[in-house]
């Protein structure tokens, strides 16, 4: 998109175009950054987030063409709200994969009997179950080890190619279906990850139920808790070898979903 400026307009129009483009890009990137994994953590200082958002905005603004015309103030404020909304949608969807991992940990805790033992998550500043907290931190380690934070910054930049500033987004049926599929994947992925644990605990409960019939004197509740705890930890350790392949694949699908969502928002 080229910008045509009359010679008599001077540099003020160019400065206004660049300033409006910078602020619109800044609105989207800030909204995404405050919801993205790692970057949106409460443990990350606010001034670091603001500085990182400013640096990314400068790079994106330089790499992309400015607006075609100076927007009136009411239209400009509307565009700021639009860009912030798009950033919130993209940023929230990026966190879906970690919500699935957290749900997987909560299901495991329920099966193992840790449902009442909660700890404070320092990343999200919320209460989480023990295994859920462990799996969440493990996922963050995988995320950083495969340069997932760099991929997210790249997704930020690519979102402006698929949905440039100043262009209206279109919330069509395809966008709604895509969002439903993305959020439905939370429960599907969590159940797929927790299925071996659910199966192992189900077999354990059936075995303990048969033992209680054969040996009525045995206190199943006292004996069953350490058995389920030990078996659950064994299954969790056994599954740990597959996380090296499962979590990176989940992140890759999350990036693809983000780009597809941005493309659908920009498609009429």
Protein backbone atom coordinates (compact mmCIF):
# COMPACT_ATOMS: atom_id res chain seq x y z
CA UNK A 1 0.00 0.00 0.00
CA UNK A 2 1.74 3.16 -1.18
CA UNK A 3 1.35 6.56 0.40
CA UNK A 4 0.84 9.52 -1.92
CA UNK A 5 1.56 12.90 -0.36
CA UNK A 6 1.42 16.26 -2.09
CA UNK A 7 4.62 18.28 -1.87
CA UNK A 8 2.76 21.08 -0.13
CA UNK A 9 1.68 18.91 2.74
CA UNK A 10 5.12 18.88 4.30
CA UNK A 11 6.59 16.48 6.79
CA UNK A 12 3.74 16.83 9.29
CA UNK A 13 1.53 14.44 7.32
CA UNK A 14 4.33 11.88 7.09
CA UNK A 15 4.94 12.17 10.83
CA UNK A 16 1.22 11.79 11.53
CA UNK A 17 1.02 8.69 9.33
CA UNK A 18 4.03 7.12 11.02
CA UNK A 19 2.76 7.99 14.50
CA UNK A 20 -0.69 6.53 13.86
CA UNK A 21 0.80 3.38 12.35
CA UNK A 22 3.12 3.01 15.34
CA UNK A 23 0.29 3.39 17.87
CA UNK A 24 -1.97 0.95 16.04
CA UNK A 25 0.79 -1.66 15.86
CA UNK A 26 1.64 -0.98 19.50
CA UNK A 27 -1.99 -1.59 20.55
CA UNK A 28 -2.10 -5.04 18.94
CA UNK A 29 1.35 -6.12 20.09
CA UNK A 30 0.77 -4.96 23.67
CA UNK A 31 -2.50 -6.89 23.89
CA UNK A 32 -0.85 -10.02 22.49
CA UNK A 33 2.24 -9.68 24.66
CA UNK A 34 0.31 -9.39 27.92
CA UNK A 35 -1.54 -12.65 27.16
CA UNK A 36 1.23 -14.67 25.52
CA UNK A 37 2.88 -17.45 27.56
CA UNK A 38 6.02 -16.39 29.46
CA UNK A 39 5.70 -12.75 28.37
CA UNK A 40 2.36 -12.25 30.10
CA UNK A 41 3.51 -13.69 33.43
CA UNK A 42 3.06 -11.56 36.52
CA UNK A 43 6.70 -12.30 37.36
CA UNK A 44 7.87 -10.36 34.29
CA UNK A 45 8.29 -6.66 35.20
CA UNK A 46 5.88 -4.26 33.58
CA UNK A 47 8.67 -2.01 32.32
CA UNK A 48 10.27 -4.99 30.55
CA UNK A 49 6.96 -5.79 28.84
CA UNK A 50 6.54 -2.15 27.80
CA UNK A 51 10.11 -1.97 26.49
CA UNK A 52 9.79 -5.24 24.58
CA UNK A 53 6.45 -4.17 23.10
CA UNK A 54 8.01 -0.87 22.00
CA UNK A 55 11.02 -2.59 20.42
CA UNK A 56 8.85 -5.09 18.51
CA UNK A 57 6.53 -2.28 17.43
CA UNK A 58 9.43 -0.29 16.00
CA UNK A 59 10.64 -3.29 13.99
CA UNK A 60 7.15 -4.10 12.69
CA UNK A 61 6.39 -0.47 11.84
CA UNK A 62 9.61 -0.13 9.85
CA UNK A 63 9.05 -3.42 8.01
CA UNK A 64 5.46 -2.66 7.02
CA UNK A 65 4.06 0.27 5.03
CA UNK A 66 2.25 3.06 6.89
CA UNK A 67 -1.38 3.99 6.55
CA UNK A 68 -2.64 5.41 3.28
CA UNK A 69 -4.18 8.48 4.89
CA UNK A 70 -4.30 10.27 8.20
CA UNK A 71 -7.30 9.00 10.18
CA UNK A 72 -9.64 11.36 12.05
CA UNK A 73 -9.40 11.07 15.81
CA UNK A 74 -12.67 9.11 16.20
CA UNK A 75 -11.70 6.68 13.45
CA UNK A 76 -8.23 6.35 14.91
CA UNK A 77 -9.59 5.51 18.41
CA UNK A 78 -11.87 2.93 16.83
CA UNK A 79 -8.92 1.37 15.01
CA UNK A 80 -6.94 1.25 18.28
CA UNK A 81 -9.81 -0.66 19.89
CA UNK A 82 -9.98 -3.00 16.90
CA UNK A 83 -6.25 -3.73 17.00
CA UNK A 84 -6.36 -4.31 20.76
CA UNK A 85 -9.28 -6.73 20.32
CA UNK A 86 -7.42 -8.65 17.60
CA UNK A 87 -4.38 -8.82 19.88
CA UNK A 88 -6.47 -10.14 22.77
CA UNK A 89 -8.00 -12.87 20.59
CA UNK A 90 -4.62 -13.98 19.21
CA UNK A 91 -2.90 -13.79 22.60
CA UNK A 92 -5.62 -15.74 24.37
CA UNK A 93 -5.60 -18.47 21.75
CA UNK A 94 -1.82 -18.76 22.16
CA UNK A 95 -2.34 -19.67 25.81
CA UNK A 96 -4.80 -22.48 24.97
CA UNK A 97 -2.08 -25.13 24.77
CA UNK A 98 -0.99 -24.39 28.35
CA UNK A 99 -4.60 -24.52 29.51
CA UNK A 100 -4.81 -28.04 28.03
CA UNK A 101 -1.64 -29.09 29.88
CA UNK A 102 -2.97 -27.60 33.11
CA UNK A 103 -6.27 -29.46 32.69
CA UNK A 104 -4.32 -32.66 32.06
CA UNK A 105 -2.49 -32.18 35.36
CA UNK A 106 -5.74 -31.54 37.23
CA UNK A 107 -7.26 -34.75 35.85
CA UNK A 108 -4.17 -36.67 36.97
CA UNK A 109 -4.40 -35.12 40.44
CA UNK A 110 -8.03 -36.16 40.76
CA UNK A 111 -7.16 -39.73 39.79
CA UNK A 112 -4.18 -39.91 42.17
CA UNK A 113 -5.95 -38.27 45.10
CA UNK A 114 -4.12 -34.93 45.06
CA UNK A 115 -7.19 -32.89 44.15
CA UNK A 116 -7.31 -31.14 47.56
CA UNK A 117 -3.61 -30.24 47.61
CA UNK A 118 -3.18 -26.95 45.74
CA UNK A 119 -0.19 -24.65 45.42
CA UNK A 120 0.22 -21.09 44.15
CA UNK A 121 1.37 -20.89 40.56
CA UNK A 122 4.01 -18.11 40.45
CA UNK A 123 3.63 -17.73 36.67
CA UNK A 124 -0.13 -17.16 36.50
CA UNK A 125 -0.67 -16.18 40.16
CA UNK A 126 -3.49 -18.70 40.62
CA UNK A 127 -3.97 -21.87 42.65
CA UNK A 128 -3.13 -25.08 40.84
CA UNK A 129 -2.94 -28.73 41.76
CA UNK A 130 0.43 -30.34 42.40
CA UNK A 131 0.78 -32.36 39.19
CA UNK A 132 -0.84 -29.54 37.22
CA UNK A 133 1.79 -27.13 38.50
CA UNK A 134 4.57 -29.61 37.71
CA UNK A 135 3.30 -30.24 34.18
CA UNK A 136 2.83 -26.51 33.58
CA UNK A 137 6.40 -25.71 34.59
CA UNK A 138 7.65 -28.66 32.53
CA UNK A 139 5.75 -27.34 29.51
CA UNK A 140 7.31 -23.90 30.01
CA UNK A 141 10.77 -25.48 30.04
CA UNK A 142 10.04 -27.29 26.77
CA UNK A 143 8.59 -24.07 25.38
CA UNK A 144 11.78 -22.13 26.10
CA UNK A 145 14.11 -24.95 25.04
CA UNK A 146 12.65 -25.06 21.51
CA UNK A 147 12.66 -21.24 21.20
CA UNK A 148 8.91 -21.04 21.44
CA UNK A 149 9.10 -17.42 22.64
CA UNK A 150 10.97 -16.52 19.44
CA UNK A 151 8.32 -18.27 17.38
CA UNK A 152 5.63 -16.24 19.11
CA UNK A 153 7.42 -13.00 18.26
CA UNK A 154 7.57 -14.18 14.65
CA UNK A 155 3.82 -14.89 14.79
CA UNK A 156 3.33 -11.31 15.97
CA UNK A 157 5.07 -9.99 12.89
CA UNK A 158 3.31 -12.38 10.52
CA UNK A 159 -0.09 -11.36 11.87
CA UNK A 160 0.43 -7.92 10.30
CA UNK A 161 1.00 -9.53 6.91
CA UNK A 162 -2.20 -11.56 7.18
CA UNK A 163 -4.26 -8.80 8.80
CA UNK A 164 -2.66 -5.38 8.13
CA UNK A 165 -3.45 -2.36 10.26
CA UNK A 166 -6.23 -0.17 8.98
CA UNK A 167 -8.05 -3.15 7.46
CA UNK A 168 -11.31 -4.30 8.97
CA UNK A 169 -11.42 -7.77 10.43
CA UNK A 170 -14.29 -10.10 9.61
CA UNK A 171 -15.78 -12.31 12.32
CA UNK A 172 -17.33 -14.84 9.97
CA UNK A 173 -18.73 -18.30 10.56
CA UNK A 174 -15.35 -19.78 9.69
CA UNK A 175 -13.74 -17.76 12.50
CA UNK A 176 -16.37 -18.97 14.96
CA UNK A 177 -15.93 -22.58 13.91
CA UNK A 178 -12.16 -22.23 14.16
CA UNK A 179 -12.40 -20.81 17.68
CA UNK A 180 -14.74 -23.62 18.72
CA UNK A 181 -12.28 -26.16 17.29
CA UNK A 182 -9.34 -24.52 19.08
CA UNK A 183 -11.03 -24.41 22.47
CA UNK A 184 -12.49 -27.88 21.96
CA UNK A 185 -8.94 -29.07 21.44
CA UNK A 186 -8.24 -28.14 25.08
CA UNK A 187 -10.45 -30.93 26.40
CA UNK A 188 -9.51 -33.35 23.63
CA UNK A 189 -5.78 -32.91 24.21
CA UNK A 190 -6.14 -33.04 28.00
CA UNK A 191 -8.12 -36.29 27.83
CA UNK A 192 -5.67 -37.82 25.36
CA UNK A 193 -2.76 -37.01 27.67
CA UNK A 194 -4.60 -38.26 30.75
CA UNK A 195 -6.07 -41.40 29.17
CA UNK A 196 -3.22 -43.76 30.28
CA UNK A 197 -3.56 -42.46 33.83
CA UNK A 198 -7.35 -42.79 33.77
CA UNK A 199 -7.06 -46.37 32.47
CA UNK A 200 -4.47 -47.33 35.09
CA UNK A 201 -6.53 -45.86 37.94
CA UNK A 202 -9.69 -47.55 36.64
CA UNK A 203 -7.98 -50.94 36.66
CA UNK A 204 -6.66 -50.21 40.15
CA UNK A 205 -10.13 -49.34 41.43
CA UNK A 206 -11.56 -52.52 39.90
CA UNK A 207 -8.82 -54.61 41.51
CA UNK A 208 -9.35 -53.00 44.90
CA UNK A 209 -13.08 -53.52 44.58
CA UNK A 210 -12.58 -57.24 43.94
CA UNK A 211 -10.17 -57.48 46.88
CA UNK A 212 -12.69 -55.83 49.16
CA UNK A 213 -15.19 -58.54 48.20
CA UNK A 214 -12.69 -61.36 48.67
CA UNK A 215 -11.17 -59.96 51.88
CA UNK A 216 -13.84 -57.95 53.71
CA UNK A 217 -11.51 -57.33 56.65
CA UNK A 218 -9.13 -55.26 54.50
CA UNK A 219 -9.60 -51.49 54.68
CA UNK A 220 -9.59 -50.60 50.98
CA UNK A 221 -9.48 -46.84 51.59
CA UNK A 222 -6.33 -47.08 53.71
CA UNK A 223 -4.57 -49.52 51.39
CA UNK A 224 -5.81 -48.01 48.15
CA UNK A 225 -4.36 -44.52 48.58
CA UNK A 226 -0.63 -45.48 48.65
CA UNK A 227 -1.23 -48.03 45.87
CA UNK A 228 -2.88 -45.46 43.62
CA UNK A 229 -0.22 -42.88 44.52
CA UNK A 230 2.67 -45.19 43.70
CA UNK A 231 1.09 -46.49 40.52
CA UNK A 232 0.16 -42.97 39.42
CA UNK A 233 3.74 -41.73 39.88
CA UNK A 234 5.04 -44.75 37.95
CA UNK A 235 2.67 -44.08 35.04
CA UNK A 236 3.57 -40.39 35.11
CA UNK A 237 7.29 -41.18 34.94
CA UNK A 238 6.61 -43.68 32.16
CA UNK A 239 4.71 -41.02 30.21
CA UNK A 240 7.47 -38.46 30.80
CA UNK A 241 9.57 -39.84 27.96
CA UNK A 242 6.84 -38.99 25.47
CA UNK A 243 6.52 -35.37 26.55
CA UNK A 244 9.66 -34.61 24.57
CA UNK A 245 7.64 -35.28 21.40
CA UNK A 246 4.12 -34.41 22.55
CA UNK A 247 4.68 -30.87 23.83
CA UNK A 248 6.67 -29.56 20.80
CA UNK A 249 3.98 -30.97 18.51
CA UNK A 250 1.31 -29.19 20.56
CA UNK A 251 3.22 -25.92 20.26
CA UNK A 252 3.57 -26.32 16.49
CA UNK A 253 -0.16 -26.87 16.14
CA UNK A 254 -0.77 -23.82 18.30
CA UNK A 255 1.35 -21.64 16.00
CA UNK A 256 -0.47 -22.98 12.96
CA UNK A 257 -3.81 -22.28 14.64
CA UNK A 258 -2.77 -18.70 15.43
CA UNK A 259 -1.78 -17.98 11.83
CA UNK A 260 -4.94 -19.62 10.48
CA UNK A 261 -7.08 -17.58 12.88
CA UNK A 262 -5.38 -14.36 11.79
CA UNK A 263 -5.85 -15.30 8.14
CA UNK A 264 -9.56 -15.99 8.70
CA UNK A 265 -10.02 -12.68 10.50
CA UNK A 266 -8.62 -10.85 7.50
CA UNK A 267 -10.70 -12.81 4.97
CA UNK A 268 -14.15 -11.37 4.12
